[in-house]
Protein backbone atom coordinates (compact mmCIF):
# COMPACT_ATOMS: atom_id res chain seq x y z
CA UNK A 1 79.34 -24.73 175.22
CA UNK A 2 81.73 -27.63 175.70
CA UNK A 3 82.80 -29.84 172.84
CA UNK A 4 81.30 -33.32 172.99
CA UNK A 5 84.42 -35.27 172.08
CA UNK A 6 87.87 -34.35 173.32
CA UNK A 7 90.40 -35.07 170.60
CA UNK A 8 94.12 -35.80 170.82
CA UNK A 9 96.50 -35.66 167.86
CA UNK A 10 99.48 -38.03 167.81
CA UNK A 11 102.19 -37.12 165.32
CA UNK A 12 103.98 -40.17 163.97
CA UNK A 13 107.29 -40.31 162.11
CA UNK A 14 109.74 -42.66 160.46
CA UNK A 15 108.72 -46.30 160.31
CA UNK A 16 105.63 -47.56 162.12
CA UNK A 17 106.55 -50.93 163.59
CA UNK A 18 105.34 -53.05 166.50
CA UNK A 19 107.12 -50.79 169.01
CA UNK A 20 105.36 -47.66 167.76
CA UNK A 21 102.00 -49.44 167.64
CA UNK A 22 102.56 -50.44 171.29
CA UNK A 23 103.01 -46.70 172.02
CA UNK A 24 99.72 -45.98 170.20
CA UNK A 25 98.05 -48.69 172.33
CA UNK A 26 99.39 -47.02 175.48
CA UNK A 27 98.14 -43.61 174.36
CA UNK A 28 94.67 -45.01 173.60
CA UNK A 29 94.55 -46.43 177.13
CA UNK A 30 95.52 -43.03 178.54
CA UNK A 31 92.91 -41.27 176.43
CA UNK A 32 90.18 -43.59 177.65
CA UNK A 33 91.24 -42.98 181.29
CA UNK A 34 91.16 -39.24 180.66
CA UNK A 35 87.83 -39.40 178.83
CA UNK A 36 89.39 -38.16 175.59
CA UNK A 37 87.89 -40.50 173.04
CA UNK A 38 89.02 -38.97 169.77
CA UNK A 39 92.44 -39.77 168.32
CA UNK A 40 93.98 -38.43 165.13
CA UNK A 41 97.07 -40.25 163.91
CA UNK A 42 99.05 -37.79 161.83
CA UNK A 43 101.13 -39.70 159.28
CA UNK A 44 102.72 -36.59 157.74
CA UNK A 45 106.31 -37.66 158.60
CA UNK A 46 105.81 -41.44 158.23
CA UNK A 47 108.02 -43.12 155.67
CA UNK A 48 106.81 -46.73 156.03
CA UNK A 49 104.35 -48.82 158.01
CA UNK A 50 104.85 -52.50 158.67
CA UNK A 51 101.75 -54.20 157.23
CA UNK A 52 101.67 -56.65 160.14
CA UNK A 53 100.86 -53.78 162.53
CA UNK A 54 97.69 -52.69 160.72
CA UNK A 55 95.29 -55.13 162.45
CA UNK A 56 96.41 -53.64 165.79
CA UNK A 57 95.39 -50.17 164.58
CA UNK A 58 91.95 -51.53 163.73
CA UNK A 59 91.69 -53.00 167.24
CA UNK A 60 92.59 -49.64 168.81
CA UNK A 61 89.92 -47.97 166.67
CA UNK A 62 87.35 -50.50 167.93
CA UNK A 63 88.48 -49.94 171.53
CA UNK A 64 87.91 -46.19 171.21
CA UNK A 65 84.57 -46.77 169.49
CA UNK A 66 83.46 -48.90 172.45
CA UNK A 67 83.74 -45.71 174.53
CA UNK A 68 81.93 -43.55 171.99
CA UNK A 69 85.05 -42.25 170.27
CA UNK A 70 86.99 -42.94 167.12
CA UNK A 71 90.44 -43.07 165.57
CA UNK A 72 91.04 -41.16 162.34
CA UNK A 73 94.03 -40.94 160.03
CA UNK A 74 95.54 -37.84 158.46
CA UNK A 75 98.26 -36.99 155.94
CA UNK A 76 98.93 -40.44 154.51
CA UNK A 77 101.42 -40.42 151.65
CA UNK A 78 100.42 -42.37 148.54
CA UNK A 79 102.99 -45.02 149.51
CA UNK A 80 101.58 -45.52 153.02
CA UNK A 81 98.01 -45.35 151.73
CA UNK A 82 98.83 -48.16 149.28
CA UNK A 83 100.04 -50.36 152.16
CA UNK A 84 96.66 -49.83 153.85
CA UNK A 85 94.86 -50.58 150.56
CA UNK A 86 96.89 -53.71 149.80
CA UNK A 87 95.97 -55.19 153.17
CA UNK A 88 92.29 -54.20 152.80
CA UNK A 89 92.53 -52.08 155.96
CA UNK A 90 92.06 -48.61 154.45
CA UNK A 91 88.26 -48.84 154.36
CA UNK A 92 88.27 -49.41 158.15
CA UNK A 93 89.29 -45.78 158.71
CA UNK A 94 88.22 -42.27 157.89
CA UNK A 95 91.22 -40.71 156.16
CA UNK A 96 91.81 -36.97 155.80
CA UNK A 97 94.28 -34.87 153.83
CA UNK A 98 95.13 -32.81 156.91
CA UNK A 99 94.97 -33.15 160.68
CA UNK A 100 92.80 -30.01 160.77
CA UNK A 101 90.20 -31.69 158.52
CA UNK A 102 90.27 -34.74 160.78
CA UNK A 103 89.72 -32.52 163.83
CA UNK A 104 86.76 -30.83 162.14
CA UNK A 105 85.25 -34.27 161.46
CA UNK A 106 85.12 -34.72 165.25
CA UNK A 107 83.44 -31.34 165.61
CA UNK A 108 86.44 -29.59 167.17
CA UNK A 109 88.48 -26.76 165.74
CA UNK A 110 91.81 -27.89 167.13
CA UNK A 111 92.96 -31.16 168.72
CA UNK A 112 94.94 -31.32 171.95
CA UNK A 113 98.62 -31.82 171.15
CA UNK A 114 99.82 -32.89 174.59
CA UNK A 115 98.17 -35.27 177.01
CA UNK A 116 96.87 -33.77 180.27
CA UNK A 117 99.13 -34.19 183.30
CA UNK A 118 98.58 -37.48 185.07
CA UNK A 119 97.89 -39.45 181.90
């Protein structure tokens, strides 16, 4: 039995700024081309996120949803979570304590950690 949604996990680190959000945008485009519509953003090593980038994350979530997928967040520190809350963006996302929990929410046991060749 094949899993319905193919899921990719992107591990983020440091500060999330416009440059890193552009990389997320590129990855979402690659996932859609490769028919992998689930994306987990792992914030475990993120120290800060620029609040101005949050609307772009919501747009990427909507883009994946248009193809039947979704974008989910994992491992947000209290500090990063508060940035999402302050900008009223947190409720736009499903947030999980671990990337494994986020993967299970998609119905998969383990996300893909590297994009397939050609993407």
